[in-house]
Amino acid sequence: MAEAYIYDAVRSPRGKGRKDGSLHEVTAARLSAQILNAVKTRNGLEGHAVEDVIWGNATQVMEQGGCLARTAVLASDLDERIPGLSINRFCASGLEAVNLAANQISGGAGEGYIAGGVEMMGRVPMGSDGAAIAVDPSIAMKSYFVPQGISADIIATEYGFSRDDADQLAVASQQRAKAAWDDKRFENSIIAIKDQNGLPILDHDEYMRPGSDMQSMGALNPAFQAMGEVMPGFDKVALMKYPHLEKINHIHHAGNSSGIVDGSAAVLIGSKEFGEQFGLKPRAKFRATAKIGLDPTIMLTGPVPVTQHIMKQSGMSISDIDLFEVNEAFASVVLRFMQAFDVDADKVNVNGGSIAMGHPLGATGAIILGTLLDEMERTDKEVGMATLCVASGMGAATIIERV
């Protein structure tokens, strides 16, 4: 099988996913086009340079519907002969797009791909697609459906994580993100976003709250307690599934959960011959990719079994991994990962994560893979792994090795 290499990784800054967010005036297609243009310009891609653009997006309705990937290609400066494929694996859509592209190359289906994703959460709200698992009673009852925040609290209850544990991780995420920005660690990958007049509108992650501390975290009320205990009473659903838990401990709130933001990211992936054609130097190669399904109620423990799966599949062990990016969907997700594998916190999300900078669903997987690669190069590390939990009970992971 052919080796698949990463030649470049870029991303937009993450804007607040609301009407006063800096990216709110930009559509998903236009934001994607700016990111695709950056990949084209930075790497001198001319003509029918890549086989396909594979684009992740979690809420594929309204302006994010209709094969957004192809729309983004046509809105960009890429050659119109390049097609587009939109995919949805919820929170892991961006990473799954990358994994699919890498595996296409390994299988001989083309020499080069651009893969990544986008989510404009301030323009197309999460859940606006009316997912059947949440709204169809026959499926929701069978799967013991609860919202993700309840799932995060189930993890905390099941594995013994306290409110202080979650808040400490959240404060660390904010501090690490600020340090990373202060040290210009994202400089190689960030693409400043411009308005239709060519004027810059955002060049930094604007969701960050670097002044957060344990006191400010402690002042926040649990975000999912009411929906769990009162109406519609999702705690009862959870306890039907897990009767050994006497009560769900609601520890998550806005400060220790991922932020709602707008953003996009792309990774340029190709074979050795692709790099030679365009005079590009590979930055890393793919060692392994994996995905799994799991219990849809607790839902967010995916990084643990998918890591076990990818280690077995690749013949590697946790000790072989120098750095980890574990998406901070909720604090308990990362806490459980570190607990399960006894991983030192100094190896996980060293530049902060989605709690501090936000989680643009369809783009996050590509964002954290690019962040991982930048940090591996900055600190001269060899092997890294990115992984995400996924709604409805799935997980995805990727292992890369520097070249």
Protein backbone atom coordinates (compact mmCIF):
# COMPACT_ATOMS: atom_id res chain seq x y z
CA MET A 1 0.00 0.00 0.00
CA ALA A 2 1.15 3.54 -0.74
CA GLU A 3 2.14 5.85 2.09
CA ALA A 4 -0.12 8.86 2.72
CA TYR A 5 1.57 12.08 3.84
CA ILE A 6 0.48 15.39 5.33
CA TYR A 7 1.91 18.29 3.35
CA ASP A 8 0.06 21.18 4.98
CA ALA A 9 -2.59 21.98 7.59
CA VAL A 10 -4.41 25.28 7.98
CA ARG A 11 -7.37 26.60 9.90
CA SER A 12 -9.42 29.67 10.49
CA PRO A 13 -9.50 31.34 13.88
CA ARG A 14 -12.57 30.25 15.84
CA GLY A 15 -15.23 32.95 16.14
CA LYS A 16 -17.96 33.06 18.76
CA GLY A 17 -20.92 31.15 17.42
CA ARG A 18 -23.51 33.85 17.93
CA LYS A 19 -24.78 37.00 16.25
CA ASP A 20 -22.04 39.19 17.71
CA GLY A 21 -19.31 36.73 16.70
CA SER A 22 -16.75 38.07 14.23
CA LEU A 23 -17.46 35.37 11.65
CA HIS A 24 -21.24 35.58 11.84
CA GLU A 25 -21.54 37.40 8.51
CA VAL A 26 -19.57 34.67 6.70
CA THR A 27 -21.38 31.65 5.28
CA ALA A 28 -20.02 28.12 5.59
CA ALA A 29 -19.27 28.03 1.85
CA ARG A 30 -17.39 31.33 1.94
CA LEU A 31 -15.37 30.43 5.02
CA SER A 32 -14.52 27.05 3.49
CA ALA A 33 -13.50 28.77 0.25
CA GLN A 34 -11.02 31.02 2.08
CA ILE A 35 -9.43 27.99 3.71
CA LEU A 36 -9.27 26.10 0.41
CA ASN A 37 -7.73 29.14 -1.27
CA ALA A 38 -5.06 29.27 1.42
CA VAL A 39 -4.15 25.63 0.77
CA LYS A 40 -3.97 26.30 -2.96
CA THR A 41 -1.83 29.43 -2.62
CA ARG A 42 0.54 28.14 0.05
CA ASN A 43 1.29 24.98 -1.91
CA GLY A 44 1.17 26.17 -5.51
CA LEU A 45 -1.66 23.85 -6.51
CA GLU A 46 -2.59 24.51 -10.12
CA GLY A 47 -5.17 22.84 -12.33
CA HIS A 48 -6.77 19.54 -11.40
CA ALA A 49 -4.29 19.25 -8.54
CA VAL A 50 -6.20 16.98 -6.16
CA GLU A 51 -8.55 14.07 -6.67
CA ASP A 52 -11.26 15.40 -4.37
CA VAL A 53 -12.15 17.75 -1.54
CA ILE A 54 -13.64 15.77 1.35
CA TRP A 55 -15.36 18.09 3.78
CA GLY A 56 -16.85 17.29 7.19
CA ASN A 57 -19.96 19.03 8.43
CA ALA A 58 -22.26 17.93 11.25
CA THR A 59 -25.42 19.94 10.51
CA GLN A 60 -26.07 19.52 6.81
CA VAL A 61 -29.14 21.70 6.34
CA MET A 62 -29.92 25.16 4.95
CA GLU A 63 -26.75 26.90 3.77
CA GLN A 64 -24.67 23.95 5.01
CA GLY A 65 -26.69 21.48 2.93
CA GLY A 66 -26.61 20.45 -0.71
CA CYS A 67 -23.10 18.91 -0.78
CA LEU A 68 -21.35 21.85 0.82
CA ALA A 69 -17.98 20.45 -0.22
CA ARG A 70 -18.75 20.93 -3.91
CA THR A 71 -20.24 24.36 -3.25
CA ALA A 72 -17.06 25.35 -1.41
CA VAL A 73 -14.90 24.21 -4.33
CA LEU A 74 -16.95 26.32 -6.75
CA ALA A 75 -16.82 29.30 -4.38
CA SER A 76 -13.04 28.98 -4.15
CA ASP A 77 -10.22 29.44 -6.66
CA LEU A 78 -9.75 25.69 -7.08
CA ASP A 79 -10.21 24.18 -10.53
CA GLU A 80 -13.88 23.34 -11.21
CA ARG A 81 -12.82 19.84 -12.27
CA ILE A 82 -12.15 19.03 -8.62
CA PRO A 83 -15.27 17.42 -7.11
CA GLY A 84 -16.43 17.59 -3.52
CA LEU A 85 -17.73 15.10 -0.96
CA SER A 86 -19.53 16.12 2.23
CA ILE A 87 -19.48 13.65 5.12
CA ASN A 88 -20.99 13.58 8.59
CA ARG A 89 -19.60 11.75 11.60
CA PHE A 90 -20.86 14.44 13.94
CA CYS A 91 -17.98 15.83 16.07
CA ALA A 92 -15.38 13.70 14.27
CA SER A 93 -16.43 14.75 10.75
CA GLY A 94 -13.26 16.76 10.09
CA LEU A 95 -10.97 13.95 11.24
CA GLU A 96 -12.99 11.33 9.38
CA ALA A 97 -12.63 13.39 6.19
CA VAL A 98 -8.86 13.36 6.67
CA ASN A 99 -8.80 9.64 7.45
CA LEU A 100 -10.89 8.85 4.39
CA ALA A 101 -8.56 10.87 2.17
CA ALA A 102 -5.47 9.18 3.62
CA ASN A 103 -6.96 5.74 3.13
CA GLN A 104 -7.98 6.58 -0.46
CA ILE A 105 -4.37 7.45 -1.21
CA SER A 106 -3.10 4.31 0.52
CA GLY A 107 -5.51 2.29 -1.60
CA GLY A 108 -4.39 3.89 -4.84
CA ALA A 109 -7.50 6.02 -5.46
CA GLY A 110 -5.72 9.25 -6.39
CA GLU A 111 -2.50 11.01 -5.47
CA GLY A 112 -3.73 14.07 -3.58
CA TYR A 113 -6.70 15.28 -1.53
CA ILE A 114 -7.77 18.28 0.51
CA ALA A 115 -9.76 17.19 3.55
CA GLY A 116 -11.18 18.96 6.56
CA GLY A 117 -14.44 20.59 7.47
CA VAL A 118 -16.50 23.55 8.61
CA GLU A 119 -19.24 24.46 11.05
CA MET A 120 -20.96 27.81 11.37
CA MET A 121 -22.76 27.17 14.64
CA GLY A 122 -23.92 30.76 14.94
CA ARG A 123 -25.69 30.58 11.56
CA VAL A 124 -26.87 26.95 11.48
CA PRO A 125 -27.61 25.92 15.07
CA MET A 126 -26.65 22.49 16.34
CA GLY A 127 -29.65 20.18 16.19
CA SER A 128 -31.47 22.15 13.51
CA ASP A 129 -31.32 19.10 11.23
CA GLY A 130 -33.81 17.27 13.48
CA ALA A 131 -31.76 14.10 13.97
CA ALA A 132 -33.96 11.01 14.10
CA ILE A 133 -32.14 9.57 17.11
CA ALA A 134 -33.37 12.54 19.14
CA VAL A 135 -36.82 13.19 17.67
CA ASP A 136 -38.13 9.76 16.61
CA PRO A 137 -39.54 8.14 19.79
CA SER A 138 -39.21 4.61 18.43
CA ILE A 139 -35.43 5.10 18.03
CA ALA A 140 -34.86 7.36 21.04
CA MET A 141 -36.57 4.94 23.42
CA LYS A 142 -34.76 1.90 22.04
CA SER A 143 -31.37 3.61 22.34
CA TYR A 144 -32.08 5.29 25.71
CA PHE A 145 -31.32 8.66 24.14
CA VAL A 146 -30.11 11.50 26.37
CA PRO A 147 -28.46 14.79 25.33
CA GLN A 148 -24.68 14.91 25.28
CA GLY A 149 -24.43 17.03 28.42
CA ILE A 150 -26.24 14.31 30.36
CA SER A 151 -23.86 11.75 28.85
CA ALA A 152 -20.89 13.79 30.04
CA ASP A 153 -22.36 13.87 33.53
CA ILE A 154 -22.94 10.10 33.38
CA ILE A 155 -19.22 9.65 32.65
CA ALA A 156 -18.35 11.82 35.63
CA THR A 157 -20.67 9.81 37.86
CA GLU A 158 -19.56 6.40 36.57
CA TYR A 159 -15.84 7.10 36.81
CA GLY A 160 -15.75 9.29 39.91
CA PHE A 161 -14.86 12.75 38.58
CA SER A 162 -15.80 15.70 40.76
CA ARG A 163 -16.81 19.23 39.86
CA ASP A 164 -13.35 20.38 41.00
CA ASP A 165 -11.67 17.82 38.71
CA ALA A 166 -13.59 19.15 35.73
CA ASP A 167 -13.03 22.80 36.64
CA GLN A 168 -9.30 22.30 37.12
CA LEU A 169 -9.02 20.76 33.65
CA ALA A 170 -11.00 23.68 32.21
CA VAL A 171 -8.79 26.28 33.88
CA ALA A 172 -5.71 24.47 32.59
CA SER A 173 -7.18 24.52 29.06
CA GLN A 174 -7.64 28.29 29.25
CA GLN A 175 -4.14 28.84 30.60
CA ARG A 176 -2.54 26.60 28.00
CA ALA A 177 -4.45 28.24 25.15
CA LYS A 178 -3.36 31.70 26.29
CA ALA A 179 0.25 30.56 26.57
CA ALA A 180 0.07 29.05 23.09
CA TRP A 181 -1.29 32.27 21.57
CA ASP A 182 1.18 34.42 23.48
CA ASP A 183 4.00 32.23 22.19
CA LYS A 184 2.62 32.36 18.61
CA ARG A 185 2.44 28.55 18.42
CA PHE A 186 -0.54 28.63 16.02
CA GLU A 187 1.06 31.16 13.70
CA ASN A 188 2.03 28.65 10.99
CA SER A 189 -1.52 27.35 10.60
CA ILE A 190 -3.88 30.27 11.25
CA ILE A 191 -5.45 31.95 8.22
CA ALA A 192 -6.82 35.42 8.98
CA ILE A 193 -10.38 35.62 7.67
CA LYS A 194 -11.45 38.59 5.52
CA ASP A 195 -14.81 40.08 4.66
CA GLN A 196 -16.15 40.43 1.10
CA ASN A 197 -14.20 43.67 0.72
CA GLY A 198 -10.93 41.97 1.57
CA LEU A 199 -10.65 43.54 5.01
CA PRO A 200 -9.55 41.29 7.92
CA ILE A 201 -12.31 40.47 10.38
CA LEU A 202 -10.72 37.80 12.61
CA ASP A 203 -7.16 36.64 13.20
CA HIS A 204 -7.40 34.98 16.63
CA ASP A 205 -9.59 32.54 18.58
CA GLU A 206 -12.07 34.95 20.12
CA TYR A 207 -13.95 32.55 22.41
CA MET A 208 -11.08 32.28 24.91
CA ARG A 209 -11.55 33.45 28.50
CA PRO A 210 -7.97 33.52 29.82
CA GLY A 211 -9.01 35.10 33.12
CA SER A 212 -10.94 32.00 34.15
CA ASP A 213 -10.00 30.53 37.52
CA MET A 214 -11.48 28.10 40.03
CA GLN A 215 -13.50 30.88 41.64
CA SER A 216 -15.15 32.00 38.40
CA MET A 217 -15.79 28.38 37.45
CA GLY A 218 -17.33 27.72 40.83
CA ALA A 219 -19.87 30.51 40.31
CA LEU A 220 -21.40 28.76 37.28
CA ASN A 221 -24.52 26.62 37.69
CA PRO A 222 -24.63 23.07 36.30
CA ALA A 223 -25.93 23.36 32.74
CA PHE A 224 -27.71 20.01 32.48
CA GLN A 225 -29.19 19.49 35.91
CA ALA A 226 -32.63 20.89 35.08
CA MET A 227 -33.09 18.80 31.94
CA GLY A 228 -31.85 15.81 33.89
CA GLU A 229 -33.88 16.14 37.04
CA VAL A 230 -36.98 18.12 36.09
CA MET A 231 -38.21 18.32 32.51
CA PRO A 232 -38.00 16.21 30.48
CA GLY A 233 -36.25 14.09 33.12
CA PHE A 234 -33.36 12.53 31.22
CA ASP A 235 -31.75 11.33 34.45
CA LYS A 236 -34.54 8.76 34.72
CA VAL A 237 -33.73 7.50 31.24
CA ALA A 238 -30.06 7.21 32.17
CA LEU A 239 -30.81 5.38 35.41
CA MET A 240 -32.98 2.88 33.54
CA LYS A 241 -29.90 2.06 31.47
CA TYR A 242 -27.47 2.20 34.41
CA PRO A 243 -29.41 1.16 37.52
CA HIS A 244 -26.20 0.74 39.52
CA LEU A 245 -25.90 4.54 39.58
CA GLU A 246 -28.11 5.89 42.32
CA LYS A 247 -28.00 9.46 41.04
CA ILE A 248 -26.40 11.42 38.18
CA ASN A 249 -23.84 13.91 39.46
CA HIS A 250 -24.22 17.03 37.31
CA ILE A 251 -20.77 18.65 37.18
CA HIS A 252 -20.67 20.24 33.72
CA HIS A 253 -21.43 23.86 32.92
CA ALA A 254 -20.52 26.44 30.29
CA GLY A 255 -17.00 26.82 31.69
CA ASN A 256 -15.93 23.17 31.55
CA SER A 257 -17.73 22.23 28.33
CA SER A 258 -16.68 23.03 24.76
CA GLY A 259 -17.62 26.39 23.31
CA ILE A 260 -20.09 26.99 20.49
CA VAL A 261 -18.04 28.60 17.71
CA ASP A 262 -17.65 29.06 13.96
CA GLY A 263 -14.60 27.71 12.17
CA SER A 264 -13.02 25.73 9.35
CA ALA A 265 -9.83 23.75 8.75
CA ALA A 266 -8.13 21.81 5.97
CA VAL A 267 -5.31 19.28 5.59
CA LEU A 268 -3.42 18.67 2.34
CA ILE A 269 -2.76 14.95 1.97
CA GLY A 270 -0.88 13.20 -0.79
CA SER A 271 1.36 10.40 -1.92
CA LYS A 272 5.13 10.70 -2.30
CA GLU A 273 4.62 11.33 -6.03
CA PHE A 274 2.13 14.12 -5.30
CA GLY A 275 4.74 15.94 -3.22
CA GLU A 276 7.35 15.53 -5.94
CA GLN A 277 4.95 16.87 -8.57
CA PHE A 278 4.38 20.12 -6.68
CA GLY A 279 7.78 20.40 -5.02
CA LEU A 280 6.39 19.87 -1.53
CA LYS A 281 8.09 18.39 1.50
CA PRO A 282 6.01 15.98 3.59
CA ARG A 283 5.59 16.93 7.24
CA ALA A 284 4.19 13.65 8.57
CA LYS A 285 2.85 10.30 7.44
CA PHE A 286 -0.22 8.40 8.58
CA ARG A 287 0.51 5.39 10.78
CA ALA A 288 -3.08 4.32 11.45
CA THR A 289 -6.72 5.44 11.41
CA ALA A 290 -9.68 3.95 13.27
CA LYS A 291 -13.34 4.37 14.13
CA ILE A 292 -15.70 2.48 16.44
CA GLY A 293 -19.27 2.43 17.71
CA LEU A 294 -20.30 2.09 21.36
CA ASP A 295 -23.10 2.51 23.87
CA PRO A 296 -25.22 5.42 22.55
CA THR A 297 -26.36 6.59 26.00
CA ILE A 298 -23.03 7.23 27.70
CA MET A 299 -22.01 8.10 24.15
CA LEU A 300 -18.85 10.14 24.78
CA THR A 301 -16.39 7.51 26.02
CA GLY A 302 -15.35 6.81 22.41
CA PRO A 303 -11.72 7.96 22.75
CA VAL A 304 -11.02 5.01 25.06
CA PRO A 305 -12.20 2.07 22.92
CA VAL A 306 -11.07 3.66 19.66
CA THR A 307 -7.60 4.12 21.14
CA GLN A 308 -7.56 0.48 22.24
CA HIS A 309 -8.63 -0.47 18.71
CA ILE A 310 -6.05 1.66 16.91
CA MET A 311 -3.26 0.42 19.18
CA LYS A 312 -4.13 -3.20 18.42
CA GLN A 313 -4.54 -2.47 14.73
CA SER A 314 -1.18 -0.67 14.46
CA GLY A 315 0.79 -2.92 16.80
CA MET A 316 1.61 0.10 18.95
CA SER A 317 1.15 0.90 22.63
CA ILE A 318 0.28 4.06 24.54
CA SER A 319 3.92 4.50 25.48
CA ASP A 320 4.77 4.88 21.78
CA ILE A 321 2.73 8.10 21.57
CA ASP A 322 4.58 11.32 22.42
CA LEU A 323 1.61 13.72 22.28
CA PHE A 324 -2.17 13.40 22.38
CA GLU A 325 -4.98 15.64 21.21
CA VAL A 326 -8.22 14.50 22.86
CA ASN A 327 -11.09 16.77 21.93
CA GLU A 328 -12.41 18.64 24.95
CA ALA A 329 -16.09 18.19 24.18
CA PHE A 330 -16.61 18.06 27.93
CA ALA A 331 -14.07 17.88 30.74
CA SER A 332 -15.07 14.35 31.75
CA VAL A 333 -14.20 13.02 28.27
CA VAL A 334 -10.55 13.99 28.68
CA LEU A 335 -10.45 12.99 32.34
CA ARG A 336 -11.71 9.52 31.44
CA PHE A 337 -9.12 9.15 28.66
CA MET A 338 -6.25 10.05 30.97
CA GLN A 339 -7.63 7.76 33.68
CA ALA A 340 -8.10 4.79 31.36
CA PHE A 341 -4.56 4.90 29.96
CA ASP A 342 -2.74 6.51 32.90
CA VAL A 343 -1.52 9.24 30.57
CA ASP A 344 0.34 12.21 32.00
CA ALA A 345 -1.58 15.48 31.61
CA ASP A 346 1.60 17.05 30.21
CA LYS A 347 1.13 14.97 27.05
CA VAL A 348 -2.53 15.81 26.47
CA ASN A 349 -3.85 19.00 24.80
CA VAL A 350 -0.71 20.91 25.71
CA ASN A 351 -1.91 24.04 23.87
CA GLY A 352 -5.42 24.02 25.29
CA GLY A 353 -8.49 22.65 23.59
CA SER A 354 -12.14 23.10 22.77
CA ILE A 355 -13.07 24.19 26.29
CA ALA A 356 -10.92 27.28 25.81
CA MET A 357 -11.12 27.87 22.06
CA GLY A 358 -14.38 26.23 21.02
CA HIS A 359 -15.58 23.20 19.07
CA PRO A 360 -16.82 23.92 15.51
CA LEU A 361 -18.23 20.43 15.09
CA GLY A 362 -17.41 19.59 11.48
CA ALA A 363 -13.98 21.24 11.58
CA THR A 364 -12.60 20.25 14.98
CA GLY A 365 -11.05 16.95 13.96
CA ALA A 366 -8.96 18.62 11.26
CA ILE A 367 -8.11 21.47 13.65
CA ILE A 368 -6.74 19.23 16.39
CA LEU A 369 -4.74 17.15 13.89
CA GLY A 370 -3.08 20.32 12.59
CA THR A 371 -2.46 21.53 16.14
CA LEU A 372 -0.91 18.17 16.98
CA LEU A 373 1.44 18.31 13.99
CA ASP A 374 2.53 21.87 14.73
CA GLU A 375 3.34 20.95 18.32
CA MET A 376 5.21 17.80 17.30
CA GLU A 377 7.40 19.93 15.07
CA ARG A 378 7.84 22.67 17.68
CA THR A 379 8.95 20.24 20.41
CA ASP A 380 10.70 17.71 18.14
CA LYS A 381 8.31 14.86 18.95
CA GLU A 382 7.95 11.90 16.60
CA VAL A 383 4.53 10.29 17.05
CA GLY A 384 1.16 11.80 17.93
CA MET A 385 -2.48 10.76 18.14
CA ALA A 386 -5.69 12.75 17.71
CA THR A 387 -9.02 11.38 18.91
CA LEU A 388 -12.58 12.57 19.44
CA CYS A 389 -15.75 11.35 21.09
CA VAL A 390 -18.75 11.35 18.76
CA ALA A 391 -22.48 11.88 19.26
CA SER A 392 -24.76 8.81 19.39
CA GLY A 393 -21.86 6.65 20.55
CA MET A 394 -18.83 6.56 18.24
CA GLY A 395 -15.15 7.38 18.33
CA ALA A 396 -12.43 8.25 15.80
CA ALA A 397 -8.65 8.35 16.00
CA THR A 398 -5.57 9.01 13.86
CA ILE A 399 -1.90 8.33 14.52
CA ILE A 400 0.71 10.31 12.61
CA GLU A 401 4.50 10.17 12.54
CA ARG A 402 6.79 12.99 11.55
CA VAL A 403 8.85 12.51 8.43
